[in-house]
Amino acid sequence: MQRILLTTILALSLPVVPALGEEMYFNPDSMVAQGTGNLRTGEVDMNQPAQSAPTSGLPGFAEVPWKSTYSEVKTRLKSLSTAAVATERVEILTEEKNKSILVRRNDVLYRYNFYKTPIEVVRLANHDLKQEEYDQTEAQLFHVKVIFSMIPAAQIEEKIQKSHGGRTKSTVDDKTMEGAQIWELTGGLVFQWVEPYRKMKFSRTVDFLSDDLAKQIMKEYKSAAS
């Protein structure tokens, strides 16, 4: 699934965009939060005033840097969910070690996805690596998917623009009203997914992706397959 995810996203970031044959992975699924809540875009909270000037970088998602380990992210999220004085409600819904953590923050869903180099690839450089040693290493944060209730696409795009500047690419078809608005930033990529609703453009998912880890994952999948 990670390879499908990255193949689709990286294909969308190319100058010539192919048909979106695998975009279904990113289409809004059944995990739609109730209410508009807070959509956090990198360092910005969608319900807060925009920064005075946009930033070109995406070193991570909100307060969590890319490549943070599964334990580090889980500890951070648990501290937010159990804080005695909290500015927002944070609840961990499900977790699968070294794979994903699904969190509800003020009625918006966030799926933190992690990547761990396959043992076959690691053994190319370390032939004597034992399974037990490999199992002790942790996966790293490379992708966050944000899922919220339907909001006019223009409103979401405006918020992201105020935080990160103008988008760099778009695959949105004005006739079908489907596709993605894309921000290519230092350290990461942002994909705002657009879909039609009542003959207007709406959004209910945004993907944040580590640029470095995306390239690493594609390279390692190629190594594992060769």
C-alpha atoms as a PDB file:
ATOM      1  CA  MET A   1       0.000   0.000   0.000  1.00  0.00           C
ATOM      2  CA  GLN A   2       2.872   2.391   0.725  1.00  0.00           C
ATOM      3  CA  ARG A   3       4.222   1.863  -2.774  1.00  0.00           C
ATOM      4  CA  ILE A   4       0.808   2.632  -4.321  1.00  0.00           C
ATOM      5  CA  LEU A   5       0.547   5.724  -2.148  1.00  0.00           C
ATOM      6  CA  LEU A   6       3.975   7.035  -3.119  1.00  0.00           C
ATOM      7  CA  THR A   7       3.700   6.102  -6.792  1.00  0.00           C
ATOM      8  CA  THR A   8       0.520   8.124  -7.044  1.00  0.00           C
ATOM      9  CA  ILE A   9       1.792  11.122  -5.109  1.00  0.00           C
ATOM     10  CA  LEU A  10       5.163  11.302  -6.852  1.00  0.00           C
ATOM     11  CA  ALA A  11       3.506  10.893 -10.239  1.00  0.00           C
ATOM     12  CA  LEU A  12       1.286  13.853  -9.436  1.00  0.00           C
ATOM     13  CA  SER A  13       4.336  15.958  -8.616  1.00  0.00           C
ATOM     14  CA  LEU A  14       5.869  15.449 -12.069  1.00  0.00           C
ATOM     15  CA  PRO A  15       5.590  18.190 -14.744  1.00  0.00           C
ATOM     16  CA  VAL A  16       3.464  15.932 -16.966  1.00  0.00           C
ATOM     17  CA  VAL A  17       0.642  14.370 -14.982  1.00  0.00           C
ATOM     18  CA  PRO A  18      -0.602  10.917 -16.075  1.00  0.00           C
ATOM     19  CA  ALA A  19      -4.122   9.621 -15.624  1.00  0.00           C
ATOM     20  CA  LEU A  20      -4.983   9.192 -11.965  1.00  0.00           C
ATOM     21  CA  GLY A  21      -5.459   5.451 -12.170  1.00  0.00           C
ATOM     22  CA  GLU A  22      -4.470   4.783  -8.552  1.00  0.00           C
ATOM     23  CA  GLU A  23      -5.963   7.859  -6.945  1.00  0.00           C
ATOM     24  CA  MET A  24      -8.633   5.781  -5.209  1.00  0.00           C
ATOM     25  CA  TYR A  25      -6.272   5.287  -2.275  1.00  0.00           C
ATOM     26  CA  PHE A  26      -6.594   8.981  -1.529  1.00  0.00           C
ATOM     27  CA  ASN A  27     -10.279   9.378  -2.182  1.00  0.00           C
ATOM     28  CA  PRO A  28     -12.297  10.287   0.938  1.00  0.00           C
ATOM     29  CA  ASP A  29     -13.170   7.133   2.828  1.00  0.00           C
ATOM     30  CA  SER A  30     -15.665   6.300   5.548  1.00  0.00           C
ATOM     31  CA  MET A  31     -13.583   7.978   8.279  1.00  0.00           C
ATOM     32  CA  VAL A  32     -15.211  11.379   7.916  1.00  0.00           C
ATOM     33  CA  ALA A  33     -15.220  13.492  11.064  1.00  0.00           C
ATOM     34  CA  GLN A  34     -18.321  15.290  12.243  1.00  0.00           C
ATOM     35  CA  GLY A  35     -18.076  19.075  12.252  1.00  0.00           C
ATOM     36  CA  THR A  36     -15.359  21.264  10.728  1.00  0.00           C
ATOM     37  CA  GLY A  37     -12.977  21.148  13.706  1.00  0.00           C
ATOM     38  CA  ASN A  38      -9.350  22.188  13.295  1.00  0.00           C
ATOM     39  CA  LEU A  39      -7.410  21.228  10.195  1.00  0.00           C
ATOM     40  CA  ARG A  40      -3.726  21.627  10.977  1.00  0.00           C
ATOM     41  CA  THR A  41      -1.575  22.276   7.904  1.00  0.00           C
ATOM     42  CA  GLY A  42       2.030  21.815   8.881  1.00  0.00           C
ATOM     43  CA  GLU A  43       2.510  24.523  11.508  1.00  0.00           C
ATOM     44  CA  VAL A  44      -0.844  26.229  11.058  1.00  0.00           C
ATOM     45  CA  ASP A  45      -4.216  25.650  12.722  1.00  0.00           C
ATOM     46  CA  MET A  46      -7.009  26.195  10.237  1.00  0.00           C
ATOM     47  CA  ASN A  47      -9.183  27.930  12.839  1.00  0.00           C
ATOM     48  CA  GLN A  48      -6.468  30.396  13.820  1.00  0.00           C
ATOM     49  CA  PRO A  49      -5.398  33.601  12.025  1.00  0.00           C
ATOM     50  CA  ALA A  50      -2.867  32.972   9.269  1.00  0.00           C
ATOM     51  CA  GLN A  51       0.788  33.757   9.715  1.00  0.00           C
ATOM     52  CA  SER A  52       1.959  37.178   8.608  1.00  0.00           C
ATOM     53  CA  ALA A  53       4.088  35.604   5.867  1.00  0.00           C
ATOM     54  CA  PRO A  54       3.986  32.140   4.263  1.00  0.00           C
ATOM     55  CA  THR A  55       6.792  29.652   4.850  1.00  0.00           C
ATOM     56  CA  SER A  56       8.341  27.555   2.093  1.00  0.00           C
ATOM     57  CA  GLY A  57       9.334  24.605   4.255  1.00  0.00           C
ATOM     58  CA  LEU A  58       7.542  21.547   5.609  1.00  0.00           C
ATOM     59  CA  PRO A  59       9.929  19.939   8.154  1.00  0.00           C
ATOM     60  CA  GLY A  60       7.150  17.811   9.586  1.00  0.00           C
ATOM     61  CA  PHE A  61       3.493  17.843  10.531  1.00  0.00           C
ATOM     62  CA  ALA A  62       2.419  20.312  13.218  1.00  0.00           C
ATOM     63  CA  GLU A  63       4.682  19.712  16.229  1.00  0.00           C
ATOM     64  CA  VAL A  64       6.115  16.389  14.976  1.00  0.00           C
ATOM     65  CA  PRO A  65       9.195  16.347  12.668  1.00  0.00           C
ATOM     66  CA  TRP A  66       9.470  13.914   9.775  1.00  0.00           C
ATOM     67  CA  LYS A  67      11.474  10.761  10.607  1.00  0.00           C
ATOM     68  CA  SER A  68      10.263  10.808  14.212  1.00  0.00           C
ATOM     69  CA  THR A  69      10.033   7.220  15.451  1.00  0.00           C
ATOM     70  CA  TYR A  70       6.757   5.453  16.121  1.00  0.00           C
ATOM     71  CA  SER A  71       7.390   5.637  19.899  1.00  0.00           C
ATOM     72  CA  GLU A  72       8.245   9.337  19.780  1.00  0.00           C
ATOM     73  CA  VAL A  73       5.045  10.208  17.929  1.00  0.00           C
ATOM     74  CA  LYS A  74       2.921   7.967  20.142  1.00  0.00           C
ATOM     75  CA  THR A  75       4.423   9.512  23.296  1.00  0.00           C
ATOM     76  CA  ARG A  76       3.776  13.019  21.974  1.00  0.00           C
ATOM     77  CA  LEU A  77       0.163  12.248  21.090  1.00  0.00           C
ATOM     78  CA  LYS A  78      -0.486  10.520  24.417  1.00  0.00           C
ATOM     79  CA  SER A  79       0.882  13.523  26.298  1.00  0.00           C
ATOM     80  CA  LEU A  80      -1.531  15.754  24.396  1.00  0.00           C
ATOM     81  CA  SER A  81      -4.466  13.431  25.087  1.00  0.00           C
ATOM     82  CA  THR A  82      -3.779  13.269  28.837  1.00  0.00           C
ATOM     83  CA  ALA A  83      -2.726  16.870  29.462  1.00  0.00           C
ATOM     84  CA  ALA A  84      -4.453  18.347  32.518  1.00  0.00           C
ATOM     85  CA  VAL A  85      -4.850  21.700  30.779  1.00  0.00           C
ATOM     86  CA  ALA A  86      -5.489  21.217  27.069  1.00  0.00           C
ATOM     87  CA  THR A  87      -6.422  23.729  24.377  1.00  0.00           C
ATOM     88  CA  GLU A  88      -7.817  20.974  22.160  1.00  0.00           C
ATOM     89  CA  ARG A  89      -9.321  17.525  22.611  1.00  0.00           C
ATOM     90  CA  VAL A  90      -6.963  14.771  21.429  1.00  0.00           C
ATOM     91  CA  GLU A  91      -7.973  11.094  21.343  1.00  0.00           C
ATOM     92  CA  ILE A  92      -5.990   8.124  20.004  1.00  0.00           C
ATOM     93  CA  LEU A  93      -8.539   5.876  18.269  1.00  0.00           C
ATOM     94  CA  THR A  94      -6.460   3.021  16.877  1.00  0.00           C
ATOM     95  CA  GLU A  95      -2.777   2.170  16.537  1.00  0.00           C
ATOM     96  CA  GLU A  96      -0.732  -0.488  14.759  1.00  0.00           C
ATOM     97  CA  LYS A  97       2.878  -0.578  15.891  1.00  0.00           C
ATOM     98  CA  ASN A  98       5.356   0.767  13.344  1.00  0.00           C
ATOM     99  CA  LYS A  99       2.563   1.259  10.809  1.00  0.00           C
ATOM    100  CA  SER A 100      -0.028   3.873  11.779  1.00  0.00           C
ATOM    101  CA  ILE A 101      -1.746   5.852  14.531  1.00  0.00           C
ATOM    102  CA  LEU A 102      -5.251   7.209  14.004  1.00  0.00           C
ATOM    103  CA  VAL A 103      -6.042  10.279  16.094  1.00  0.00           C
ATOM    104  CA  ARG A 104      -9.099  12.489  16.518  1.00  0.00           C
ATOM    105  CA  ARG A 105      -8.240  16.103  17.329  1.00  0.00           C
ATOM    106  CA  ASN A 106     -11.236  18.386  17.810  1.00  0.00           C
ATOM    107  CA  ASP A 107     -13.401  16.225  15.529  1.00  0.00           C
ATOM    108  CA  VAL A 108     -10.845  15.980  12.717  1.00  0.00           C
ATOM    109  CA  LEU A 109      -9.104  12.654  11.982  1.00  0.00           C
ATOM    110  CA  TYR A 110      -5.343  12.366  11.503  1.00  0.00           C
ATOM    111  CA  ARG A 111      -3.680   9.176  10.335  1.00  0.00           C
ATOM    112  CA  TYR A 112       0.059   9.190  11.074  1.00  0.00           C
ATOM    113  CA  ASN A 113       1.791   6.681   8.781  1.00  0.00           C
ATOM    114  CA  PHE A 114       5.246   5.199   9.391  1.00  0.00           C
ATOM    115  CA  TYR A 115       7.881   3.507   7.265  1.00  0.00           C
ATOM    116  CA  LYS A 116      10.573   0.962   8.110  1.00  0.00           C
ATOM    117  CA  THR A 117      13.154  -0.174   5.580  1.00  0.00           C
ATOM    118  CA  PRO A 118      12.350  -3.797   4.605  1.00  0.00           C
ATOM    119  CA  ILE A 119      14.725  -6.343   6.084  1.00  0.00           C
ATOM    120  CA  GLU A 120      15.619  -7.567   2.584  1.00  0.00           C
ATOM    121  CA  VAL A 121      16.978  -4.111   1.754  1.00  0.00           C
ATOM    122  CA  VAL A 122      18.813  -3.736   5.074  1.00  0.00           C
ATOM    123  CA  ARG A 123      20.496  -7.099   4.529  1.00  0.00           C
ATOM    124  CA  LEU A 124      21.987  -5.870   1.255  1.00  0.00           C
ATOM    125  CA  ALA A 125      24.414  -3.857   3.394  1.00  0.00           C
ATOM    126  CA  ASN A 126      24.325  -6.051   6.516  1.00  0.00           C
ATOM    127  CA  HIS A 127      24.187  -9.715   5.494  1.00  0.00           C
ATOM    128  CA  ASP A 128      24.416 -10.971   9.075  1.00  0.00           C
ATOM    129  CA  LEU A 129      21.452  -8.992  10.387  1.00  0.00           C
ATOM    130  CA  LYS A 130      19.221 -11.153  12.549  1.00  0.00           C
ATOM    131  CA  GLN A 131      15.436 -10.905  12.558  1.00  0.00           C
ATOM    132  CA  GLU A 132      15.481 -10.099  16.289  1.00  0.00           C
ATOM    133  CA  GLU A 133      17.810  -7.146  15.715  1.00  0.00           C
ATOM    134  CA  TYR A 134      15.682  -5.872  12.865  1.00  0.00           C
ATOM    135  CA  ASP A 135      12.509  -6.149  14.950  1.00  0.00           C
ATOM    136  CA  GLN A 136      14.019  -3.834  17.573  1.00  0.00           C
ATOM    137  CA  THR A 137      14.337  -0.941  15.112  1.00  0.00           C
ATOM    138  CA  GLU A 138      11.415   1.459  14.763  1.00  0.00           C
ATOM    139  CA  ALA A 139       9.558   2.861  11.791  1.00  0.00           C
ATOM    140  CA  GLN A 140       9.689   6.585  11.027  1.00  0.00           C
ATOM    141  CA  LEU A 141       6.940   9.118  10.340  1.00  0.00           C
ATOM    142  CA  PHE A 142       6.708   9.884   6.628  1.00  0.00           C
ATOM    143  CA  HIS A 143       3.062  10.772   5.929  1.00  0.00           C
ATOM    144  CA  VAL A 144       0.007  12.269   7.634  1.00  0.00           C
ATOM    145  CA  LYS A 145      -3.475  12.083   6.149  1.00  0.00           C
ATOM    146  CA  VAL A 146      -6.057  14.572   7.427  1.00  0.00           C
ATOM    147  CA  ILE A 147      -9.761  13.727   7.103  1.00  0.00           C
ATOM    148  CA  PHE A 148     -12.517  16.239   7.869  1.00  0.00           C
ATOM    149  CA  SER A 149     -16.085  16.954   6.872  1.00  0.00           C
ATOM    150  CA  MET A 150     -16.863  18.551   3.521  1.00  0.00           C
ATOM    151  CA  ILE A 151     -15.545  22.120   3.224  1.00  0.00           C
ATOM    152  CA  PRO A 152     -15.506  24.295   0.070  1.00  0.00           C
ATOM    153  CA  ALA A 153     -12.174  23.634  -1.642  1.00  0.00           C
ATOM    154  CA  ALA A 154     -11.428  27.342  -2.023  1.00  0.00           C
ATOM    155  CA  GLN A 155     -11.509  27.827   1.753  1.00  0.00           C
ATOM    156  CA  ILE A 156      -9.008  25.018   2.356  1.00  0.00           C
ATOM    157  CA  GLU A 157      -6.721  26.227  -0.421  1.00  0.00           C
ATOM    158  CA  GLU A 158      -6.772  29.769   0.958  1.00  0.00           C
ATOM    159  CA  LYS A 159      -5.714  28.557   4.409  1.00  0.00           C
ATOM    160  CA  ILE A 160      -2.836  26.522   2.997  1.00  0.00           C
ATOM    161  CA  GLN A 161      -1.752  29.410   0.778  1.00  0.00           C
ATOM    162  CA  LYS A 162      -1.589  31.764   3.746  1.00  0.00           C
ATOM    163  CA  SER A 163       0.632  29.275   5.530  1.00  0.00           C
ATOM    164  CA  HIS A 164       2.807  28.008   2.678  1.00  0.00           C
ATOM    165  CA  GLY A 165       2.291  30.361  -0.256  1.00  0.00           C
ATOM    166  CA  GLY A 166       0.742  29.606  -3.625  1.00  0.00           C
ATOM    167  CA  ARG A 167       0.430  26.052  -4.901  1.00  0.00           C
ATOM    168  CA  THR A 168       2.994  24.885  -7.427  1.00  0.00           C
ATOM    169  CA  LYS A 169       0.897  22.398  -9.410  1.00  0.00           C
ATOM    170  CA  SER A 170      -2.702  21.335  -9.935  1.00  0.00           C
ATOM    171  CA  THR A 171      -4.390  18.296 -11.473  1.00  0.00           C
ATOM    172  CA  VAL A 172      -7.920  19.559 -10.813  1.00  0.00           C
ATOM    173  CA  ASP A 173     -10.119  19.206 -13.898  1.00  0.00           C
ATOM    174  CA  ASP A 174     -12.580  22.087 -14.118  1.00  0.00           C
ATOM    175  CA  LYS A 175     -15.144  19.844 -15.830  1.00  0.00           C
ATOM    176  CA  THR A 176     -15.059  16.864 -13.470  1.00  0.00           C
ATOM    177  CA  MET A 177     -13.994  18.980 -10.456  1.00  0.00           C
ATOM    178  CA  GLU A 178     -11.622  16.194  -9.395  1.00  0.00           C
ATOM    179  CA  GLY A 179      -7.891  16.152  -8.743  1.00  0.00           C
ATOM    180  CA  ALA A 180      -5.338  17.640  -6.385  1.00  0.00           C
ATOM    181  CA  GLN A 181      -3.874  21.031  -5.564  1.00  0.00           C
ATOM    182  CA  ILE A 182      -0.166  20.503  -4.895  1.00  0.00           C
ATOM    183  CA  TRP A 183       2.413  22.411  -2.840  1.00  0.00           C
ATOM    184  CA  GLU A 184       6.068  21.421  -3.352  1.00  0.00           C
ATOM    185  CA  LEU A 185       7.887  22.699  -0.283  1.00  0.00           C
ATOM    186  CA  THR A 186      11.358  22.359   1.169  1.00  0.00           C
ATOM    187  CA  GLY A 187      11.222  19.075   3.051  1.00  0.00           C
ATOM    188  CA  GLY A 188       7.732  18.011   2.079  1.00  0.00           C
ATOM    189  CA  LEU A 189       4.685  17.983  -0.178  1.00  0.00           C
ATOM    190  CA  VAL A 190       1.055  18.934   0.453  1.00  0.00           C
ATOM    191  CA  PHE A 191      -1.836  17.468  -1.547  1.00  0.00           C
ATOM    192  CA  GLN A 192      -5.321  18.954  -1.173  1.00  0.00           C
ATOM    193  CA  TRP A 193      -7.832  16.590  -2.780  1.00  0.00           C
ATOM    194  CA  VAL A 194     -10.797  18.110  -4.605  1.00  0.00           C
ATOM    195  CA  GLU A 195     -14.098  16.447  -5.472  1.00  0.00           C
ATOM    196  CA  PRO A 196     -17.511  17.599  -6.756  1.00  0.00           C
ATOM    197  CA  TYR A 197     -20.504  18.097  -4.506  1.00  0.00           C
ATOM    198  CA  ARG A 198     -23.694  19.836  -5.638  1.00  0.00           C
ATOM    199  CA  LYS A 199     -21.844  21.091  -8.722  1.00  0.00           C
ATOM    200  CA  MET A 200     -19.185  22.804  -6.605  1.00  0.00           C
ATOM    201  CA  LYS A 201     -15.603  21.944  -5.615  1.00  0.00           C
ATOM    202  CA  PHE A 202     -15.185  20.589  -2.095  1.00  0.00           C
ATOM    203  CA  SER A 203     -12.386  18.989  -0.091  1.00  0.00           C
ATOM    204  CA  ARG A 204     -12.339  16.559   2.805  1.00  0.00           C
ATOM    205  CA  THR A 205      -8.797  15.156   2.728  1.00  0.00           C
ATOM    206  CA  VAL A 206      -5.308  16.659   2.723  1.00  0.00           C
ATOM    207  CA  ASP A 207      -2.051  14.659   2.573  1.00  0.00           C
ATOM    208  CA  PHE A 208       1.282  15.815   4.040  1.00  0.00           C
ATOM    209  CA  LEU A 209       4.347  13.867   2.886  1.00  0.00           C
ATOM    210  CA  SER A 210       8.066  13.887   3.684  1.00  0.00           C
ATOM    211  CA  ASP A 211       9.953  14.523   0.453  1.00  0.00           C
ATOM    212  CA  ASP A 212      13.154  12.795   1.613  1.00  0.00           C
ATOM    213  CA  LEU A 213      11.425   9.693   2.939  1.00  0.00           C
ATOM    214  CA  ALA A 214       9.188   9.434  -0.133  1.00  0.00           C
ATOM    215  CA  LYS A 215      12.261   9.269  -2.369  1.00  0.00           C
ATOM    216  CA  GLN A 216      13.955   6.828   0.013  1.00  0.00           C
ATOM    217  CA  ILE A 217      10.942   4.512   0.069  1.00  0.00           C
ATOM    218  CA  MET A 218      10.654   4.403  -3.720  1.00  0.00           C
ATOM    219  CA  LYS A 219      14.381   3.690  -4.025  1.00  0.00           C
ATOM    220  CA  GLU A 220      14.234   0.910  -1.433  1.00  0.00           C
ATOM    221  CA  TYR A 221      11.199  -0.713  -3.020  1.00  0.00           C
ATOM    222  CA  LYS A 222      13.112  -0.777  -6.291  1.00  0.00           C
ATOM    223  CA  SER A 223      16.110  -2.362  -4.545  1.00  0.00           C
ATOM    224  CA  ALA A 224      13.905  -5.003  -2.917  1.00  0.00           C
ATOM    225  CA  ALA A 225      12.308  -5.875  -6.245  1.00  0.00           C
ATOM    226  CA  SER A 226      15.593  -6.212  -8.151  1.00  0.00           C
END
